Protein backbone atom coordinates (compact mmCIF):
# COMPACT_ATOMS: atom_id res chain seq x y z
CA MET A 1 -17.83 0.22 -25.06
CA SER A 2 -19.72 1.61 -21.56
CA GLU A 3 -19.08 4.55 -20.02
CA GLY A 4 -18.13 2.86 -16.62
CA LEU A 5 -15.43 0.17 -16.07
CA VAL A 6 -15.12 -1.83 -13.11
CA ILE A 7 -11.76 -3.18 -12.02
CA ILE A 8 -11.45 -6.12 -9.94
CA PRO A 9 -8.06 -7.31 -8.37
CA THR A 10 -7.75 -10.72 -8.36
CA TYR A 11 -5.14 -13.38 -6.02
CA ASN A 12 -7.02 -16.88 -5.69
CA GLU A 13 -10.40 -15.90 -6.28
CA ILE A 14 -11.50 -18.99 -8.52
CA GLU A 15 -14.16 -19.52 -6.15
CA ASN A 16 -15.52 -16.14 -6.76
CA ILE A 17 -14.64 -14.85 -10.11
CA GLU A 18 -17.36 -15.78 -12.65
CA LYS A 19 -20.16 -15.35 -10.21
CA ILE A 20 -19.60 -11.77 -9.55
CA ILE A 21 -18.25 -11.23 -13.17
CA ARG A 22 -22.03 -12.55 -14.38
CA ALA A 23 -23.17 -10.89 -11.55
CA VAL A 24 -21.88 -7.27 -12.70
CA LEU A 25 -22.58 -7.97 -16.44
CA ALA A 26 -25.94 -8.86 -15.99
CA LEU A 27 -26.96 -5.32 -14.05
CA SER A 28 -29.61 -3.07 -15.67
CA ILE A 29 -27.27 -0.50 -16.48
CA SER A 30 -24.10 -2.12 -18.74
CA PHE A 31 -20.47 -1.68 -17.08
CA ASP A 32 -17.48 -3.05 -18.37
CA VAL A 33 -15.47 -5.33 -16.64
CA LEU A 34 -11.25 -5.66 -16.09
CA VAL A 35 -9.91 -8.02 -14.20
CA VAL A 36 -6.33 -7.15 -12.93
CA ASP A 37 -4.73 -10.85 -11.94
CA ASP A 38 -1.60 -11.14 -10.30
CA GLY A 39 -0.85 -14.77 -11.71
CA SER A 40 -2.94 -16.82 -9.40
CA PRO A 41 -2.18 -20.06 -9.56
CA ASP A 42 -5.37 -21.11 -8.66
CA GLY A 43 -6.85 -20.68 -12.40
CA THR A 44 -8.36 -17.46 -11.67
CA GLY A 45 -6.62 -15.69 -14.78
CA ALA A 46 -7.63 -18.84 -17.19
CA LYS A 47 -11.09 -18.87 -15.91
CA VAL A 48 -11.57 -14.98 -16.91
CA THR A 49 -9.90 -15.97 -20.45
CA GLN A 50 -12.55 -18.67 -21.07
CA LEU A 51 -15.46 -15.92 -19.82
CA MET A 52 -13.80 -13.43 -22.32
CA LYS A 53 -15.17 -15.67 -25.33
CA GLU A 54 -18.44 -15.00 -23.92
CA PHE A 55 -18.49 -11.26 -22.99
CA PRO A 56 -16.15 -10.16 -25.87
CA SER A 57 -16.14 -5.98 -25.79
CA ARG A 58 -17.26 -6.47 -22.28
CA LEU A 59 -14.86 -8.28 -20.10
CA TYR A 60 -10.85 -7.72 -20.01
CA LEU A 61 -7.95 -9.19 -18.29
CA GLU A 62 -4.82 -7.81 -17.39
CA ASN A 63 -2.25 -10.54 -16.22
CA ARG A 64 0.70 -9.30 -13.96
CA ILE A 65 3.68 -11.65 -12.98
CA GLY A 66 3.69 -11.81 -9.12
CA LYS A 67 1.60 -10.71 -6.09
CA SER A 68 2.25 -7.10 -6.33
CA GLY A 69 -0.47 -5.43 -4.12
CA LEU A 70 -3.70 -4.06 -3.66
CA GLY A 71 -2.59 -0.48 -4.76
CA THR A 72 -0.66 -1.50 -7.94
CA ALA A 73 -3.32 -3.78 -9.34
CA TYR A 74 -5.79 -0.53 -9.08
CA ILE A 75 -3.11 2.06 -10.57
CA HIS A 76 -2.88 -0.73 -13.21
CA GLY A 77 -6.28 -0.52 -13.68
CA PHE A 78 -6.48 2.83 -13.79
CA LYS A 79 -4.03 3.63 -16.41
CA TRP A 80 -5.79 1.13 -18.66
CA ALA A 81 -9.05 2.51 -18.13
CA LEU A 82 -7.59 6.56 -18.95
CA LYS A 83 -6.39 5.11 -22.47
CA ARG A 84 -9.87 4.08 -23.37
CA ASP A 85 -13.08 6.67 -23.23
CA TYR A 86 -14.31 5.56 -19.53
CA GLN A 87 -15.96 7.88 -17.83
CA TYR A 88 -16.33 6.34 -14.24
CA VAL A 89 -13.87 3.78 -12.73
CA PHE A 90 -14.65 2.13 -9.96
CA GLU A 91 -13.06 -0.45 -7.47
CA MET A 92 -15.05 -3.49 -6.44
CA ASP A 93 -13.65 -6.72 -4.28
CA ALA A 94 -14.23 -9.86 -5.93
CA ASP A 95 -15.52 -11.64 -2.93
CA PHE A 96 -19.17 -10.22 -3.07
CA SER A 97 -18.27 -8.75 0.25
CA HIS A 98 -19.72 -5.54 -1.93
CA ASN A 99 -22.75 -5.92 -3.85
CA PRO A 100 -22.57 -5.65 -7.05
CA LYS A 101 -26.15 -4.02 -7.56
CA ASP A 102 -24.83 -0.51 -5.40
CA LEU A 103 -22.45 -0.30 -8.59
CA VAL A 104 -25.68 1.48 -10.11
CA ARG A 105 -26.27 3.51 -6.87
CA LEU A 106 -22.72 4.72 -7.11
CA LEU A 107 -22.64 5.73 -10.24
CA GLU A 108 -26.10 6.97 -10.28
CA SER A 109 -24.92 9.48 -7.16
CA SER A 110 -22.09 10.36 -8.82
CA LYS A 111 -24.16 11.72 -11.84
CA ASN A 112 -26.98 13.07 -9.58
CA GLU A 113 -24.94 14.66 -6.63
CA ASN A 114 -22.02 15.85 -9.09
CA ALA A 115 -19.74 13.99 -7.05
CA ASP A 116 -16.09 13.19 -8.24
CA VAL A 117 -15.71 10.62 -5.81
CA VAL A 118 -18.59 8.58 -4.39
CA ILE A 119 -17.65 6.02 -1.44
CA GLY A 120 -19.44 3.19 -0.74
CA SER A 121 -19.33 3.40 3.44
CA ARG A 122 -19.73 1.34 6.05
CA TYR A 123 -19.88 3.31 8.50
CA ILE A 124 -21.85 7.03 7.23
CA SER A 125 -24.97 5.88 8.98
CA GLY A 126 -23.99 3.15 11.49
CA VAL A 127 -21.77 0.25 11.49
CA ASN A 128 -23.29 -1.55 8.24
CA VAL A 129 -20.87 -4.66 8.36
CA VAL A 130 -22.63 -8.26 8.35
CA ASN A 131 -20.01 -11.67 9.42
CA TRP A 132 -16.91 -9.85 10.43
CA PRO A 133 -15.57 -10.88 14.13
CA LEU A 134 -16.10 -7.67 16.53
CA SER A 135 -12.20 -7.38 16.56
CA ARG A 136 -12.06 -6.87 12.73
CA VAL A 137 -15.09 -4.58 12.62
CA LEU A 138 -13.48 -2.11 15.69
CA MET A 139 -10.26 -2.42 13.86
CA SER A 140 -11.62 -1.14 10.60
CA TYR A 141 -13.98 1.55 12.63
CA PHE A 142 -11.68 2.99 14.92
CA ALA A 143 -8.93 3.08 11.86
CA SER A 144 -11.13 6.04 10.14
CA ILE A 145 -11.37 7.63 13.59
CA TYR A 146 -7.80 7.51 13.78
CA VAL A 147 -7.73 9.33 10.00
CA LYS A 148 -10.02 11.80 10.89
CA MET A 149 -8.06 12.74 13.63
CA VAL A 150 -4.70 12.48 12.18
CA MET A 151 -5.53 14.28 8.80
CA GLY A 152 -8.76 16.30 9.84
CA PHE A 153 -10.18 14.47 7.41
CA LYS A 154 -14.75 14.33 7.15
CA VAL A 155 -14.36 10.86 5.04
CA HIS A 156 -16.36 8.45 7.67
CA ASP A 157 -14.68 5.10 5.84
CA ALA A 158 -11.31 6.33 4.68
CA THR A 159 -10.32 2.77 3.70
CA SER A 160 -13.64 1.71 1.94
CA GLY A 161 -12.22 -0.31 -1.27
CA PHE A 162 -15.84 0.17 -2.96
CA ILE A 163 -15.65 3.69 -5.19
CA CYS A 164 -16.43 5.31 -8.10
CA TYR A 165 -14.33 7.85 -9.85
CA ARG A 166 -15.13 10.21 -12.41
CA ARG A 167 -12.39 10.06 -15.09
CA ARG A 168 -11.26 13.78 -13.99
CA VAL A 169 -10.32 12.63 -10.81
CA LEU A 170 -7.75 9.98 -12.10
CA GLU A 171 -6.30 12.50 -14.53
CA GLY A 172 -5.98 15.13 -11.78
CA VAL A 173 -4.41 12.99 -9.12
CA ASN A 174 -0.93 12.27 -10.07
CA LEU A 175 -1.07 8.38 -10.01
CA GLU A 176 3.08 8.21 -10.18
CA LYS A 177 3.25 9.66 -6.52
CA VAL A 178 0.93 6.74 -4.98
CA ARG A 179 3.21 4.62 -2.96
CA PHE A 180 0.49 2.56 -0.75
CA VAL A 181 -0.71 -0.88 -1.75
CA GLY A 182 -2.97 -2.02 0.82
CA TYR A 183 -5.29 0.02 3.44
CA ALA A 184 -3.34 3.13 2.80
CA PHE A 185 -3.52 3.05 -0.92
CA GLN A 186 -7.40 3.66 0.10
CA ILE A 187 -7.10 6.07 2.18
CA GLU A 188 -4.45 7.73 0.24
CA MET A 189 -5.94 8.02 -3.00
CA LYS A 190 -9.29 9.45 -1.53
CA TYR A 191 -7.10 12.32 0.60
CA ARG A 192 -5.12 13.01 -2.77
CA ALA A 193 -8.46 13.79 -4.30
CA SER A 194 -9.71 15.98 -1.11
CA VAL A 195 -6.45 18.05 -1.36
CA LYS A 196 -6.78 18.47 -5.15
CA GLY A 197 -10.58 19.82 -4.66
CA PHE A 198 -12.52 16.97 -5.99
CA LYS A 199 -15.90 16.53 -4.46
CA LEU A 200 -16.57 13.63 -2.37
CA LEU A 201 -19.53 12.02 -1.13
CA GLU A 202 -19.89 8.70 0.67
CA ILE A 203 -23.34 6.87 0.61
CA PRO A 204 -24.41 3.73 2.89
CA ILE A 205 -23.85 0.39 1.63
CA ILE A 206 -24.20 -3.18 3.58
CA PHE A 207 -20.65 -4.75 3.58
CA THR A 208 -21.15 -8.61 4.01
CA ASP A 209 -17.48 -10.75 4.33
CA ARG A 210 -16.64 -13.15 2.40
CA THR A 211 -17.84 -16.79 2.49
CA LYS A 212 -15.45 -18.68 -0.37
CA GLY A 213 -11.82 -17.66 -0.45
CA GLU A 214 -9.19 -16.36 1.86
CA SER A 215 -8.82 -12.75 3.14
CA LYS A 216 -5.60 -11.11 1.87
CA MET A 217 -5.26 -9.11 5.47
CA SER A 218 -1.65 -9.44 7.09
CA ASN A 219 -0.10 -7.30 9.96
CA ALA A 220 1.96 -5.62 7.40
CA ILE A 221 -1.00 -4.12 5.59
CA ILE A 222 -2.45 -2.27 8.98
CA SER A 223 1.09 -1.07 9.61
CA GLU A 224 1.24 0.64 6.54
CA ALA A 225 -1.93 1.80 7.03
CA VAL A 226 -1.17 3.31 10.57
CA PHE A 227 2.10 4.66 9.52
CA GLY A 228 0.92 5.85 5.77
CA VAL A 229 -1.82 8.16 7.53
CA ILE A 230 1.28 10.07 9.16
CA THR A 231 3.33 10.43 6.73
CA LEU A 232 0.38 11.78 4.18
CA ARG A 233 -0.17 14.14 6.70
CA LEU A 234 3.56 15.06 6.64
CA LYS A 235 3.69 15.42 3.36
CA LYS A 236 0.75 17.99 2.75
CA PHE A 237 2.34 19.96 5.59
CA PHE A 238 5.51 20.20 3.70
CA ARG A 239 3.58 20.52 0.23
CA LYS A 240 5.07 17.47 -0.91
CA LEU A 241 2.00 15.59 -1.65
C-alpha cells in the first residue's frame, strides 16, 4: 500500500477516467487511487472495475447510488482512507484540469515544509488558468477575494479542489459536521483546518479547463458558496463551527 491516496470523484467521466488513472499510477512516486463514482450511467464505474484487474492493490472503487455531490463524495473517500493506513490523502479532478504530475509537488511540499494542508493554487502567483472564459476566471478569482474579506482567510484560492491533506487533518476535523457539497465544501474544509490550527500552504499550479466531458458547475453550487461563507463565519463567531 502506498502512503498517499488520490481520491477522484466521478459522474459521467468515461472519456477521462482511464487516462487519468493511468497517468497517476505511472508517476515516479507511488500513489494509490480511489474512485468514488455516483452511479454514472455512462459506464465510468464499469471501466474502473475493469482497470482494477490490471492494478490490484493500487486502484479501488466505491460505488454510490445517485448523484450526491462533490463534498459527500470526498467525505466518503476520506472516511475510507482513515480506515486504512494512508498518511496523505489527495483531492483531484478526473478531467485533467489538475496535472497529475503536480501530485508529487503537493506531497513533497507537505513533507519539506511540514504543511498539514497543501493547496494547488491558481492565484498564488497571478492567475494561472487556461481555456476558461473570462467570466469564469473573474467569478472564481473574485470568489476567493470575497472569502478573504468575509472570513479573514489568508488563502488565495479557497475554492481549489487540488489538495493534499495529512492524515492528522482528516482525523482532527470533525467530518460529520461538514455540510456543504460544491465550492463551499472546498472552502469549508480549508477553513475548518485553519481554525483547528493546522498549517496551510499554497503552491502554484496551472489549471487547464477540461477538453472532454461536461462541467458539473451550476447556479446552486455558486449560491451555496456565496451564502456558505457567511454561514461559516457566523458559526465560528458563535463557536459552533
